[in-house]
């Protein structure tokens, strides 16, 4: 593995984790909003 390849993989994985984290946060906040309305 070259340094560039490792840097590329790290960048890709951070984007993936951030995307998953943000979508999970949106799902949980949406669920909380639904519970709050009832």
C-alpha atoms as a PDB file:
ATOM      1  CA  UNK A   1       0.000   0.000   0.000  1.00  0.00           C
ATOM      2  CA  UNK A   2       1.397   3.376  -0.967  1.00  0.00           C
ATOM      3  CA  UNK A   3       0.870   6.482   1.133  1.00  0.00           C
ATOM      4  CA  UNK A   4      -1.476   7.922  -1.491  1.00  0.00           C
ATOM      5  CA  UNK A   5      -3.628   4.788  -1.484  1.00  0.00           C
ATOM      6  CA  UNK A   6      -3.849   4.813   2.319  1.00  0.00           C
ATOM      7  CA  UNK A   7      -4.774   8.502   2.307  1.00  0.00           C
ATOM      8  CA  UNK A   8      -7.440   7.835  -0.319  1.00  0.00           C
ATOM      9  CA  UNK A   9      -8.923   4.954   1.702  1.00  0.00           C
ATOM     10  CA  UNK A  10      -8.965   7.052   4.874  1.00  0.00           C
ATOM     11  CA  UNK A  11     -10.768   9.852   3.020  1.00  0.00           C
ATOM     12  CA  UNK A  12     -13.356   7.460   1.560  1.00  0.00           C
ATOM     13  CA  UNK A  13     -14.013   5.791   4.929  1.00  0.00           C
ATOM     14  CA  UNK A  14     -14.356   9.124   6.737  1.00  0.00           C
ATOM     15  CA  UNK A  15     -16.926  10.269   4.162  1.00  0.00           C
ATOM     16  CA  UNK A  16     -18.816   6.977   4.559  1.00  0.00           C
ATOM     17  CA  UNK A  17     -18.830   7.177   8.370  1.00  0.00           C
ATOM     18  CA  UNK A  18     -19.873  10.848   8.370  1.00  0.00           C
ATOM     19  CA  UNK A  19     -22.719  10.094   5.943  1.00  0.00           C
ATOM     20  CA  UNK A  20     -23.953   7.184   8.084  1.00  0.00           C
ATOM     21  CA  UNK A  21     -23.621   9.246  11.278  1.00  0.00           C
ATOM     22  CA  UNK A  22     -25.570  12.190   9.833  1.00  0.00           C
ATOM     23  CA  UNK A  23     -28.360   9.977   8.468  1.00  0.00           C
ATOM     24  CA  UNK A  24     -28.657   8.171  11.818  1.00  0.00           C
ATOM     25  CA  UNK A  25     -28.852  11.520  13.630  1.00  0.00           C
ATOM     26  CA  UNK A  26     -31.619  12.638  11.260  1.00  0.00           C
ATOM     27  CA  UNK A  27     -33.542   9.396  11.793  1.00  0.00           C
ATOM     28  CA  UNK A  28     -33.324   9.631  15.584  1.00  0.00           C
ATOM     29  CA  UNK A  29     -34.297  13.317  15.616  1.00  0.00           C
ATOM     30  CA  UNK A  30     -37.246  12.564  13.308  1.00  0.00           C
ATOM     31  CA  UNK A  31     -38.377   9.773  15.648  1.00  0.00           C
ATOM     32  CA  UNK A  32     -38.070  12.105  18.637  1.00  0.00           C
ATOM     33  CA  UNK A  33     -40.127  14.745  16.814  1.00  0.00           C
ATOM     34  CA  UNK A  34     -42.873  12.208  16.072  1.00  0.00           C
ATOM     35  CA  UNK A  35     -42.980  11.124  19.730  1.00  0.00           C
ATOM     36  CA  UNK A  36     -43.080  14.761  20.834  1.00  0.00           C
ATOM     37  CA  UNK A  37     -46.093  15.510  18.625  1.00  0.00           C
ATOM     38  CA  UNK A  38     -48.200  12.668  20.030  1.00  0.00           C
END
